[in-house]
Amino acid sequence: MKYDLIIKGGNVVFHDGVRKADIGVKDEKISCIADSITEDAKEIIDANGQYVMPGMVDTHVHISEPGRTEWEGFETGSKAMAAGGTTSYVEMPLNALPATINKEALDLKLEAAVNQNYVDYAFYGGLVPENLDKLQELADAGVLAFKCFLSDITSDIPGDFTNVDDYTLYKGMQKLAELDQILCIHAENASVTSGLSKEFAREGKNSGVEYAESRPIVTEVEAVSRAILFAKDTGCKLHLVHISTSEAIQTILKARAEGVDVTVESCPHYFAMTAEQVDEIGPRAKCQPPIRKAVDQAKLWDELLSGNIDWLTSDHSPCTEDLKQGNLWEAWGGISGIQNNVDLMFDLAVKQRGLAVEKFVDLIASNPAKRFNLPNKGEIAVSKDADIILVDPNQSYVVKREDLYYKNKHSAYEGRKIDCRVTKTIVRGNVVFDLEKGIVGNPIGKLMSAQK
């Protein structure tokens, strides 16, 4: 047969708009896009009434295998991604043990990932105080980018990730500029956030609003500003992760206008919840940077709808349920959300606030694929990988823990009604998720490499 798969009659989202079309897939690639394809195929999918768009390219995911596989593993995490419309991801150098700060640790992760992923994947290398001499070997081994923390994540567990000091940040940027690598930064001032957290915990200030106030907006802006200042001097390419405030985004836009090579992401949880709602949700909504107050979230929405945020990521950071107990100071900081990202943000941004669907696709797929040098990903076009999702804007569902594929079935979105749904996820022409059947077939995910 001429095609392995034909997707018929859907509202296909292209970079310049939406139009009804058929898509033919052969040998894992999009081989034809036409008003109507009449030839036969091994499989035909009727997409009438649904959006057909590129799958999410999620560049901020924590899978804790090896070392903390009880938190999340490649199999369970990638099943959740498939169910949520993510077709490829880049995995962070923490929370696995050992952290991915040298080739030996990367090799352990590469070995663990084989034949477990239902979607395509790649890895970060870490920048920490003790591995300035390991950045070259990680780049040579194929990591897509590097990650460091400016906030305090000191750990007494051998092999765990640690934050950088200013010397490491500066010297690391010099080396990564030489290697033509992107440095992705968690930007919060370590001294102020650590000090305020201890003070607030001691005084019993346990509310969601008080937790946000313990990591004030200025701590994000200061860390962003410091990173940009170092980038100006070193020429290092920057990406600022999970930015939560308009003030930080404006700082980034100003630097970009001055010639700094910098991009910025934010995450669905900063748009879906407010600090005032955290008390009701509980520690499942704890993360760093924190969920912001409603007044600050409104300004973040303005940035997104104005096109000032380059893309969206999950920052899926799961843990065992016991680590989500206690108050906001005691609980683990991280949100499990990767299974609901596409649905949730399509509902909030496209349906409720009128964001153009093609701009939504830029946010979840096209922009991250371009920045991370993944030319076969992120777009519906001939010769691209057939990484495609179907989204029904007229279906609704309530997030229930029994439907979650995570190893630990908890989410900040439990009980939330979402007014659209991913109904099918296709990775390189292979259906990996179907709303009626669930996960389909065996893990077919492949390791991705950047093409510079």
Protein backbone atom coordinates (compact mmCIF):
# COMPACT_ATOMS: atom_id res chain seq x y z
CA MET A 1 0.00 0.00 0.00
CA LYS A 2 1.13 3.54 -0.69
CA TYR A 3 0.69 4.70 2.92
CA ASP A 4 1.05 3.12 6.33
CA LEU A 5 -1.46 5.57 7.79
CA ILE A 6 -3.88 8.20 6.55
CA ILE A 7 -5.48 10.75 8.87
CA LYS A 8 -8.60 12.01 7.11
CA GLY A 9 -10.76 15.08 7.40
CA GLY A 10 -9.20 16.78 10.40
CA ASN A 11 -8.63 20.46 11.05
CA VAL A 12 -4.88 20.42 10.51
CA VAL A 13 -2.86 23.07 12.36
CA PHE A 14 -0.07 24.52 10.22
CA HIS A 15 2.34 27.29 11.16
CA ASP A 16 0.22 29.84 9.29
CA GLY A 17 -3.29 28.69 10.16
CA VAL A 18 -5.78 25.84 10.22
CA ARG A 19 -7.32 24.07 7.25
CA LYS A 20 -9.11 20.82 6.57
CA ALA A 21 -6.75 18.27 5.01
CA ASP A 22 -5.73 14.62 4.82
CA ILE A 23 -2.28 13.49 5.95
CA GLY A 24 -0.49 10.46 4.52
CA VAL A 25 2.25 8.75 6.55
CA LYS A 26 4.87 6.36 5.17
CA ASP A 27 7.95 4.96 6.93
CA GLU A 28 7.35 7.08 10.04
CA LYS A 29 7.35 10.36 8.08
CA ILE A 30 4.62 12.66 6.81
CA SER A 31 4.76 11.93 3.07
CA CYS A 32 1.67 13.72 1.74
CA ILE A 33 -0.66 16.53 2.77
CA ALA A 34 -3.63 17.08 0.47
CA ASP A 35 -7.25 18.18 0.41
CA SER A 36 -8.13 14.53 -0.13
CA ILE A 37 -6.05 11.35 -0.26
CA THR A 38 -7.87 8.54 -2.05
CA GLU A 39 -5.24 5.79 -1.96
CA ASP A 40 -5.37 2.89 0.48
CA ALA A 41 -3.44 2.62 3.72
CA LYS A 42 -2.82 -0.02 6.35
CA GLU A 43 -4.71 2.18 8.81
CA ILE A 44 -7.12 5.07 8.31
CA ILE A 45 -8.08 7.45 11.11
CA ASP A 46 -11.17 9.63 10.86
CA ALA A 47 -10.29 13.00 12.42
CA ASN A 48 -13.45 14.84 11.44
CA GLY A 49 -14.30 17.58 13.95
CA GLN A 50 -10.91 17.36 15.66
CA TYR A 51 -7.73 19.39 15.51
CA VAL A 52 -4.74 17.55 14.07
CA MET A 53 -1.52 19.09 15.37
CA PRO A 54 2.09 18.25 16.21
CA GLY A 55 2.59 16.43 19.48
CA MET A 56 4.04 18.36 22.38
CA VAL A 57 7.83 18.65 22.52
CA ASP A 58 8.34 18.88 26.28
CA THR A 59 11.82 20.13 27.14
CA HIS A 60 11.41 19.99 30.91
CA VAL A 61 10.67 16.55 32.34
CA HIS A 62 12.01 14.76 35.43
CA ILE A 63 12.10 10.96 35.18
CA SER A 64 13.79 9.58 38.27
CA GLU A 65 15.28 6.44 36.72
CA PRO A 66 17.77 5.11 37.68
CA GLY A 67 18.18 5.64 41.39
CA ARG A 68 14.76 6.98 42.37
CA THR A 69 12.61 4.87 40.09
CA GLU A 70 10.00 4.61 42.84
CA TRP A 71 9.22 8.29 42.07
CA GLU A 72 8.78 7.81 38.32
CA GLY A 73 10.22 5.54 35.65
CA PHE A 74 10.60 5.78 31.89
CA GLU A 75 7.73 3.36 31.25
CA THR A 76 5.12 4.99 33.48
CA GLY A 77 6.25 8.54 32.71
CA SER A 78 6.21 8.04 28.95
CA LYS A 79 2.80 6.35 29.10
CA ALA A 80 1.48 9.47 30.83
CA MET A 81 3.10 11.61 28.14
CA ALA A 82 1.49 9.54 25.39
CA ALA A 83 -1.92 9.83 27.06
CA GLY A 84 -1.43 13.58 27.37
CA GLY A 85 -0.31 14.34 23.82
CA THR A 86 3.45 14.63 24.35
CA THR A 87 5.38 12.86 21.58
CA SER A 88 8.95 13.75 22.56
CA TYR A 89 10.74 15.07 25.63
CA VAL A 90 14.08 16.13 27.06
CA GLU A 91 14.83 14.69 30.49
CA MET A 92 16.46 16.75 33.22
CA PRO A 93 19.76 15.79 34.90
CA LEU A 94 17.97 15.39 38.25
CA ASN A 95 16.16 13.66 40.14
CA ALA A 96 17.73 10.37 39.08
CA LEU A 97 20.70 9.06 41.03
CA PRO A 98 23.43 9.61 40.19
CA ALA A 99 22.70 13.02 38.68
CA THR A 100 23.68 13.37 35.00
CA ILE A 101 26.88 15.32 35.55
CA ASN A 102 29.36 13.08 33.70
CA LYS A 103 29.37 10.55 30.89
CA GLU A 104 29.29 7.61 33.29
CA ALA A 105 25.99 8.80 34.79
CA LEU A 106 24.59 9.59 31.33
CA ASP A 107 25.44 6.06 30.16
CA LEU A 108 23.48 4.61 33.09
CA LYS A 109 20.46 6.68 32.08
CA LEU A 110 20.81 5.78 28.39
CA GLU A 111 20.91 2.09 29.29
CA ALA A 112 17.90 2.38 31.59
CA ALA A 113 15.83 4.15 28.92
CA VAL A 114 16.18 1.49 26.21
CA ASN A 115 12.90 -0.22 25.26
CA GLN A 116 10.94 1.57 27.97
CA ASN A 117 9.78 4.78 26.29
CA TYR A 118 6.52 5.15 24.40
CA VAL A 119 7.63 8.52 23.00
CA ASP A 120 10.96 9.87 21.72
CA TYR A 121 13.45 11.22 24.24
CA ALA A 122 16.76 12.99 24.84
CA PHE A 123 18.77 14.08 27.86
CA TYR A 124 20.32 17.10 29.54
CA GLY A 125 23.69 17.31 31.15
CA GLY A 126 24.04 19.10 34.47
CA LEU A 127 26.29 21.97 35.50
CA VAL A 128 27.39 21.71 39.15
CA PRO A 129 30.45 23.01 41.04
CA GLU A 130 32.42 19.78 40.67
CA ASN A 131 31.97 19.05 36.94
CA LEU A 132 33.43 21.95 34.97
CA ASP A 133 35.90 19.45 33.48
CA LYS A 134 33.06 17.09 32.42
CA LEU A 135 31.04 19.45 30.21
CA GLN A 136 33.00 18.53 27.09
CA GLU A 137 32.45 14.79 27.51
CA LEU A 138 28.71 15.29 28.10
CA ALA A 139 28.42 17.45 24.98
CA ASP A 140 30.37 14.89 22.96
CA ALA A 141 28.07 12.14 24.29
CA GLY A 142 25.04 13.89 22.81
CA VAL A 143 23.18 15.75 25.55
CA LEU A 144 20.81 18.28 23.99
CA ALA A 145 21.55 21.10 26.46
CA PHE A 146 22.75 21.77 30.01
CA LYS A 147 20.91 22.68 33.21
CA CYS A 148 21.90 24.43 36.43
CA PHE A 149 20.20 25.74 39.56
CA LEU A 150 20.76 29.15 41.07
CA SER A 151 18.38 28.35 43.93
CA ASP A 152 19.52 26.22 46.87
CA ILE A 153 19.13 22.47 46.34
CA THR A 154 21.87 21.26 48.67
CA SER A 155 21.58 17.50 49.25
CA ASP A 156 23.43 15.16 51.61
CA ILE A 157 22.72 12.17 49.34
CA PRO A 158 25.83 11.01 47.44
CA GLY A 159 25.53 11.58 43.71
CA ASP A 160 22.64 14.04 44.00
CA PHE A 161 22.40 17.34 42.10
CA THR A 162 23.57 20.61 43.67
CA ASN A 163 23.22 24.28 42.78
CA VAL A 164 26.00 26.42 41.32
CA ASP A 165 27.87 29.30 42.90
CA ASP A 166 28.63 32.38 40.81
CA TYR A 167 32.12 31.17 39.93
CA THR A 168 30.76 27.89 38.55
CA LEU A 169 28.02 29.75 36.68
CA TYR A 170 30.53 32.09 35.04
CA LYS A 171 33.14 29.45 34.21
CA GLY A 172 30.44 27.05 33.05
CA MET A 173 29.00 29.66 30.72
CA GLN A 174 32.45 30.30 29.25
CA LYS A 175 32.92 26.62 28.48
CA LEU A 176 29.38 26.09 27.15
CA ALA A 177 29.75 29.12 24.87
CA GLU A 178 32.90 27.51 23.51
CA LEU A 179 30.94 24.27 22.96
CA ASP A 180 27.97 26.12 21.39
CA GLN A 181 25.62 24.67 24.00
CA ILE A 182 22.48 26.11 25.61
CA LEU A 183 22.47 26.57 29.39
CA CYS A 184 19.02 26.23 30.95
CA ILE A 185 18.69 27.92 34.32
CA HIS A 186 16.41 27.61 37.33
CA ALA A 187 16.53 31.25 38.36
CA GLU A 188 15.80 32.09 42.00
CA ASN A 189 18.11 33.86 44.43
CA ALA A 190 19.37 31.12 46.75
CA SER A 191 20.23 33.21 49.80
CA VAL A 192 16.98 35.15 49.99
CA THR A 193 14.64 32.23 49.25
CA SER A 194 16.43 29.95 51.73
CA GLY A 195 16.45 32.59 54.44
CA LEU A 196 12.81 33.57 54.02
CA SER A 197 11.71 29.93 53.88
CA LYS A 198 13.36 29.18 57.22
CA GLU A 199 11.92 32.35 58.74
CA PHE A 200 8.37 31.69 57.53
CA ALA A 201 8.46 28.03 58.58
CA ARG A 202 9.69 29.01 62.03
CA GLU A 203 6.86 31.53 62.36
CA GLY A 204 4.21 29.02 61.20
CA LYS A 205 3.34 30.90 58.02
CA ASN A 206 1.99 27.89 56.14
CA SER A 207 -0.55 29.28 53.64
CA GLY A 208 -0.21 29.20 49.88
CA VAL A 209 0.03 32.98 49.73
CA GLU A 210 2.72 33.01 52.42
CA TYR A 211 4.65 30.30 50.58
CA ALA A 212 4.61 32.52 47.47
CA GLU A 213 5.79 35.45 49.59
CA SER A 214 8.73 33.39 50.85
CA ARG A 215 10.00 33.23 47.26
CA PRO A 216 9.14 36.79 46.17
CA ILE A 217 9.13 38.04 42.59
CA VAL A 218 12.37 39.96 43.13
CA THR A 219 14.25 36.69 43.77
CA GLU A 220 13.34 35.47 40.30
CA VAL A 221 14.12 38.81 38.64
CA GLU A 222 17.49 39.12 40.40
CA ALA A 223 18.61 35.63 39.39
CA VAL A 224 17.46 36.16 35.79
CA SER A 225 19.33 39.47 35.69
CA ARG A 226 22.52 37.90 37.03
CA ALA A 227 22.39 35.07 34.49
CA ILE A 228 21.85 37.56 31.67
CA LEU A 229 24.75 39.71 32.84
CA PHE A 230 27.05 36.67 32.78
CA ALA A 231 25.68 35.64 29.36
CA LYS A 232 26.45 39.08 27.94
CA ASP A 233 30.05 38.71 29.01
CA THR A 234 30.56 35.06 28.03
CA GLY A 235 28.37 34.78 24.92
CA CYS A 236 26.62 31.70 26.32
CA LYS A 237 23.19 30.85 24.92
CA LEU A 238 20.57 30.93 27.69
CA HIS A 239 17.16 29.44 28.28
CA LEU A 240 15.27 30.43 31.44
CA VAL A 241 13.07 27.62 32.71
CA HIS A 242 9.66 27.70 34.42
CA ILE A 243 9.53 31.50 34.69
CA SER A 244 6.57 32.53 36.84
CA THR A 245 6.45 36.33 36.68
CA SER A 246 5.86 39.08 34.15
CA GLU A 247 8.68 41.09 35.70
CA ALA A 248 11.22 38.38 34.87
CA ILE A 249 9.89 38.02 31.34
CA GLN A 250 10.22 41.75 30.75
CA THR A 251 13.84 41.53 31.93
CA ILE A 252 14.46 38.72 29.43
CA LEU A 253 12.81 40.62 26.56
CA LYS A 254 14.99 43.66 27.27
CA ALA A 255 18.13 41.50 27.18
CA ARG A 256 17.04 39.91 23.92
CA ALA A 257 16.55 43.34 22.38
CA GLU A 258 20.13 44.10 23.44
CA GLY A 259 21.42 41.05 21.57
CA VAL A 260 21.52 38.34 24.23
CA ASP A 261 20.64 34.87 22.84
CA VAL A 262 17.99 34.00 25.42
CA THR A 263 14.63 32.21 25.41
CA VAL A 264 12.02 31.64 28.10
CA GLU A 265 9.50 28.98 29.07
CA SER A 266 6.66 28.83 31.54
CA CYS A 267 4.44 25.98 32.72
CA PRO A 268 0.70 25.19 32.79
CA HIS A 269 0.51 25.18 36.57
CA TYR A 270 1.37 28.88 36.72
CA PHE A 271 -1.68 29.61 34.54
CA ALA A 272 -4.06 27.03 36.01
CA MET A 273 -3.73 27.74 39.74
CA THR A 274 -3.22 30.72 42.04
CA ALA A 275 -1.55 30.99 45.44
CA GLU A 276 -4.95 31.71 46.93
CA GLN A 277 -6.11 28.24 45.73
CA VAL A 278 -3.12 26.31 47.03
CA ASP A 279 -4.53 25.87 50.53
CA GLU A 280 -7.48 23.92 49.13
CA ILE A 281 -5.33 21.81 46.80
CA GLY A 282 -2.61 21.19 49.35
CA PRO A 283 1.06 20.17 48.91
CA ARG A 284 0.31 18.60 45.51
CA ALA A 285 0.49 22.22 44.27
CA LYS A 286 3.87 22.98 45.85
CA CYS A 287 6.62 23.84 43.39
CA GLN A 288 9.54 26.22 42.92
CA PRO A 289 9.16 28.93 41.80
CA PRO A 290 5.83 28.99 43.62
CA ILE A 291 2.33 29.30 42.26
CA ARG A 292 1.79 33.07 42.25
CA LYS A 293 -1.01 35.27 43.53
CA ALA A 294 -3.98 35.93 41.24
CA VAL A 295 -2.89 39.50 40.54
CA ASP A 296 0.53 38.27 39.38
CA GLN A 297 -0.95 35.40 37.38
CA ALA A 298 -3.08 37.89 35.43
CA LYS A 299 0.10 39.68 34.32
CA LEU A 300 1.66 36.34 33.32
CA TRP A 301 -1.38 35.63 31.15
CA ASP A 302 -0.85 38.97 29.44
CA GLU A 303 2.72 37.95 28.62
CA LEU A 304 1.60 34.62 27.16
CA LEU A 305 -1.19 36.07 25.04
CA SER A 306 1.13 38.83 23.82
CA GLY A 307 3.61 36.27 22.48
CA ASN A 308 6.33 37.04 25.04
CA ILE A 309 6.77 33.46 26.27
CA ASP A 310 8.59 31.22 23.82
CA TRP A 311 7.14 27.88 24.85
CA LEU A 312 5.43 25.81 27.53
CA THR A 313 6.81 22.83 29.42
CA SER A 314 5.41 20.53 32.07
CA ASP A 315 8.26 20.59 34.61
CA HIS A 316 6.81 17.19 35.50
CA SER A 317 8.50 16.52 38.85
CA PRO A 318 6.86 13.52 40.52
CA CYS A 319 7.54 11.81 43.82
CA THR A 320 6.05 9.16 46.06
CA GLU A 321 2.83 10.11 47.79
CA ASP A 322 4.34 10.16 51.27
CA LEU A 323 6.61 13.03 50.19
CA LYS A 324 3.53 15.14 49.45
CA GLN A 325 2.31 15.01 53.06
CA GLY A 326 2.61 17.65 55.77
CA ASN A 327 2.64 21.41 55.28
CA LEU A 328 4.16 23.38 52.41
CA TRP A 329 7.56 23.55 54.12
CA GLU A 330 7.75 19.81 54.74
CA ALA A 331 6.43 18.45 51.44
CA TRP A 332 8.44 17.77 48.29
CA GLY A 333 8.31 20.61 45.79
CA GLY A 334 7.23 19.36 42.38
CA ILE A 335 4.04 18.96 40.37
CA SER A 336 2.93 15.88 38.47
CA GLY A 337 1.16 17.27 35.43
CA ILE A 338 2.44 15.86 32.18
CA GLN A 339 -0.68 13.82 31.38
CA ASN A 340 -2.93 16.89 31.29
CA ASN A 341 -0.75 19.68 29.85
CA VAL A 342 -2.07 19.86 26.29
CA ASP A 343 -5.73 19.50 27.24
CA LEU A 344 -5.50 21.96 30.11
CA MET A 345 -3.67 24.71 28.24
CA PHE A 346 -5.78 24.31 25.10
CA ASP A 347 -8.86 24.82 27.27
CA LEU A 348 -7.43 27.76 29.22
CA ALA A 349 -5.60 29.56 26.40
CA VAL A 350 -7.43 28.70 23.18
CA LYS A 351 -11.01 28.08 24.26
CA GLN A 352 -11.28 30.47 27.20
CA ARG A 353 -8.97 33.29 26.10
CA GLY A 354 -8.98 33.13 22.30
CA LEU A 355 -5.33 32.29 21.60
CA ALA A 356 -4.97 31.26 17.94
CA VAL A 357 -4.53 27.49 17.58
CA GLU A 358 -1.40 27.92 15.45
CA LYS A 359 0.12 30.06 18.24
CA PHE A 360 -0.73 27.30 20.70
CA VAL A 361 1.20 24.86 18.51
CA ASP A 362 4.18 27.22 18.53
CA LEU A 363 4.08 27.13 22.33
CA ILE A 364 3.91 23.36 22.75
CA ALA A 365 5.88 22.09 19.75
CA SER A 366 7.36 24.31 17.05
CA ASN A 367 9.39 26.74 19.16
CA PRO A 368 11.07 24.20 21.46
CA ALA A 369 11.89 21.96 18.49
CA LYS A 370 13.63 24.85 16.73
CA ARG A 371 15.56 26.03 19.78
CA PHE A 372 16.79 22.51 20.61
CA ASN A 373 17.79 21.73 17.02
CA LEU A 374 15.22 19.00 16.41
CA PRO A 375 14.34 19.71 12.75
CA ASN A 376 12.18 16.60 12.34
CA LYS A 377 9.90 17.55 15.23
CA GLY A 378 7.31 20.18 16.02
CA GLU A 379 5.52 20.77 12.71
CA ILE A 380 2.95 19.22 10.37
CA ALA A 381 4.90 19.25 7.11
CA VAL A 382 6.06 16.79 4.47
CA SER A 383 9.27 14.93 5.46
CA LYS A 384 8.83 15.67 9.19
CA ASP A 385 8.40 12.86 11.71
CA ALA A 386 4.74 11.88 11.93
CA ASP A 387 4.44 12.97 15.58
CA ILE A 388 0.77 13.90 15.58
CA ILE A 389 -2.02 14.29 18.11
CA LEU A 390 -5.77 14.58 17.71
CA VAL A 391 -7.50 17.05 20.02
CA ASP A 392 -11.27 17.13 20.35
CA PRO A 393 -12.34 20.62 21.49
CA ASN A 394 -15.86 19.39 22.26
CA GLN A 395 -15.06 16.67 24.77
CA SER A 396 -14.81 17.27 28.52
CA TYR A 397 -13.46 15.17 31.36
CA VAL A 398 -12.63 15.32 35.05
CA VAL A 399 -9.09 14.43 36.14
CA LYS A 400 -9.26 11.29 38.28
CA ARG A 401 -6.31 9.57 39.86
CA GLU A 402 -7.40 6.14 38.62
CA ASP A 403 -6.92 7.40 35.05
CA LEU A 404 -3.36 8.61 35.63
CA TYR A 405 -0.46 6.57 34.26
CA TYR A 406 2.10 7.99 36.71
CA LYS A 407 3.88 5.56 39.00
CA ASN A 408 2.45 7.63 41.87
CA LYS A 409 -1.10 8.56 40.96
CA HIS A 410 -1.46 12.02 42.42
CA SER A 411 -1.84 15.35 40.68
CA ALA A 412 -2.59 18.95 41.54
CA TYR A 413 -5.36 18.74 38.94
CA GLU A 414 -7.36 15.92 40.56
CA GLY A 415 -11.06 16.77 40.42
CA ARG A 416 -10.59 19.49 37.82
CA LYS A 417 -12.88 19.57 34.77
CA ILE A 418 -11.06 20.15 31.47
CA ASP A 419 -13.07 21.11 28.39
CA CYS A 420 -11.12 19.43 25.61
CA ARG A 421 -9.32 16.12 25.17
CA VAL A 422 -6.43 14.45 23.41
CA THR A 423 -8.04 11.44 21.73
CA LYS A 424 -5.07 9.96 19.90
CA THR A 425 -1.29 10.24 20.05
CA ILE A 426 0.93 9.14 17.17
CA VAL A 427 4.73 8.87 17.40
CA ARG A 428 6.52 8.56 14.04
CA GLY A 429 3.37 7.14 12.50
CA ASN A 430 2.70 4.65 15.31
CA VAL A 431 -0.44 5.06 17.42
CA VAL A 432 0.74 4.91 21.03
CA PHE A 433 -2.42 6.17 22.72
CA ASP A 434 -6.09 5.91 21.85
CA LEU A 435 -8.78 7.31 24.13
CA GLU A 436 -10.87 4.15 23.90
CA LYS A 437 -8.04 1.60 23.97
CA GLY A 438 -5.56 3.36 26.24
CA ILE A 439 -1.84 2.76 25.64
CA VAL A 440 -1.32 0.91 22.36
CA GLY A 441 1.50 -1.48 21.47
CA ASN A 442 5.04 -1.68 22.77
CA PRO A 443 7.49 1.10 23.71
CA ILE A 444 8.75 2.47 20.38
CA GLY A 445 10.45 5.66 21.62
CA LYS A 446 13.89 6.45 20.16
CA LEU A 447 16.76 8.55 21.41
CA MET A 448 16.88 11.96 19.70
CA SER A 449 20.00 13.90 18.83
CA ALA A 450 20.41 17.56 17.96
CA GLN A 451 21.25 18.42 14.35
CA LYS A 452 23.35 21.57 14.30
